[in-house]
Amino acid sequence: MWVSDLGPLRWMVDAVISVEDRVAATARQVGIFVNVASTRPVRMPQALVQKYRARYRALAQ
C-alpha cells in the first residue's frame, strides 16, 4: 500500500494484495479533506504534506 498521488486537494492510495506470489486484488482509494462547516474541499494540511514528503524521501534513499 502506498500513496500514489498527493495533490493540493486530493490524495490517492493504491494497494496490491497478493496470495502465494499471485496478485489477488488491486485497490485504489481517493480522498479529500473537507471543511465541515462549508462542505467544500480544502487543501491538505501542510503538516501532513511535509510528513509524507519527508517519509517518501527517506524511503527513496
C-alpha atoms as a PDB file:
ATOM      1  CA  MET A   1       0.000   0.000   0.000  1.00  0.00           C
ATOM      2  CA  TRP A   2       1.393   3.379  -0.977  1.00  0.00           C
ATOM      3  CA  VAL A   3       0.422   6.967  -1.624  1.00  0.00           C
ATOM      4  CA  SER A   4       0.413   7.185  -5.416  1.00  0.00           C
ATOM      5  CA  ASP A   5      -0.689  10.800  -5.781  1.00  0.00           C
ATOM      6  CA  LEU A   6      -0.625  13.752  -3.431  1.00  0.00           C
ATOM      7  CA  GLY A   7      -2.212  16.837  -4.907  1.00  0.00           C
ATOM      8  CA  PRO A   8      -3.228  20.065  -3.241  1.00  0.00           C
ATOM      9  CA  LEU A   9      -6.852  18.964  -2.817  1.00  0.00           C
ATOM     10  CA  ARG A  10      -6.828  15.180  -3.090  1.00  0.00           C
ATOM     11  CA  TRP A  11      -4.699  12.167  -2.347  1.00  0.00           C
ATOM     12  CA  MET A  12      -4.698   8.652  -3.732  1.00  0.00           C
ATOM     13  CA  VAL A  13      -3.595   5.382  -2.134  1.00  0.00           C
ATOM     14  CA  ASP A  14      -3.008   2.254  -4.226  1.00  0.00           C
ATOM     15  CA  ALA A  15      -2.609  -1.298  -2.986  1.00  0.00           C
ATOM     16  CA  VAL A  16      -1.849  -4.742  -4.354  1.00  0.00           C
ATOM     17  CA  ILE A  17      -2.938  -7.822  -2.430  1.00  0.00           C
ATOM     18  CA  SER A  18      -1.036 -10.997  -3.275  1.00  0.00           C
ATOM     19  CA  VAL A  19      -1.588 -14.604  -2.304  1.00  0.00           C
ATOM     20  CA  GLU A  20       1.287 -17.025  -2.873  1.00  0.00           C
ATOM     21  CA  ASP A  21       3.047 -14.577  -5.215  1.00  0.00           C
ATOM     22  CA  ARG A  22      -0.074 -14.052  -7.351  1.00  0.00           C
ATOM     23  CA  VAL A  23      -1.990 -10.802  -7.465  1.00  0.00           C
ATOM     24  CA  ALA A  24      -5.407 -11.479  -5.950  1.00  0.00           C
ATOM     25  CA  ALA A  25      -6.704  -7.905  -5.951  1.00  0.00           C
ATOM     26  CA  THR A  26      -5.791  -4.302  -6.547  1.00  0.00           C
ATOM     27  CA  ALA A  27      -7.331  -1.318  -4.847  1.00  0.00           C
ATOM     28  CA  ARG A  28      -7.388   2.456  -5.083  1.00  0.00           C
ATOM     29  CA  GLN A  29      -8.757   4.935  -2.588  1.00  0.00           C
ATOM     30  CA  VAL A  30      -9.156   8.610  -3.407  1.00  0.00           C
ATOM     31  CA  GLY A  31      -9.693  11.059  -0.595  1.00  0.00           C
ATOM     32  CA  ILE A  32     -10.137  14.744   0.014  1.00  0.00           C
ATOM     33  CA  PHE A  33     -10.213  16.963   3.067  1.00  0.00           C
ATOM     34  CA  VAL A  34     -13.483  18.800   3.560  1.00  0.00           C
ATOM     35  CA  ASN A  35     -14.402  21.852   5.613  1.00  0.00           C
ATOM     36  CA  VAL A  36     -17.245  20.544   7.754  1.00  0.00           C
ATOM     37  CA  ALA A  37     -18.998  23.915   8.012  1.00  0.00           C
ATOM     38  CA  SER A  38     -18.999  24.673   4.274  1.00  0.00           C
ATOM     39  CA  THR A  39     -18.832  21.063   2.992  1.00  0.00           C
ATOM     40  CA  ARG A  40     -16.300  22.272   0.427  1.00  0.00           C
ATOM     41  CA  PRO A  41     -12.919  20.691  -0.339  1.00  0.00           C
ATOM     42  CA  VAL A  42      -9.928  22.310   1.358  1.00  0.00           C
ATOM     43  CA  ARG A  43      -6.192  21.959   0.870  1.00  0.00           C
ATOM     44  CA  MET A  44      -4.467  19.141   2.667  1.00  0.00           C
ATOM     45  CA  PRO A  45      -2.924  20.316   5.954  1.00  0.00           C
ATOM     46  CA  GLN A  46       0.652  21.421   5.249  1.00  0.00           C
ATOM     47  CA  ALA A  47       1.989  19.466   8.243  1.00  0.00           C
ATOM     48  CA  LEU A  48       0.629  16.242   6.733  1.00  0.00           C
ATOM     49  CA  VAL A  49       2.115  17.021   3.312  1.00  0.00           C
ATOM     50  CA  GLN A  50       5.508  17.670   4.902  1.00  0.00           C
ATOM     51  CA  LYS A  51       5.395  14.393   6.881  1.00  0.00           C
ATOM     52  CA  TYR A  52       4.522  12.414   3.761  1.00  0.00           C
ATOM     53  CA  ARG A  53       7.258  14.037   1.674  1.00  0.00           C
ATOM     54  CA  ALA A  54       9.868  13.521   4.410  1.00  0.00           C
ATOM     55  CA  ARG A  55       8.916   9.852   4.691  1.00  0.00           C
ATOM     56  CA  TYR A  56       8.965   9.421   0.911  1.00  0.00           C
ATOM     57  CA  ARG A  57      12.449  10.957   0.688  1.00  0.00           C
ATOM     58  CA  ALA A  58      13.696   8.684   3.475  1.00  0.00           C
ATOM     59  CA  LEU A  59      12.382   5.585   1.695  1.00  0.00           C
ATOM     60  CA  ALA A  60      13.826   6.665  -1.648  1.00  0.00           C
ATOM     61  CA  GLN A  61      17.379   6.790  -0.299  1.00  0.00           C
END
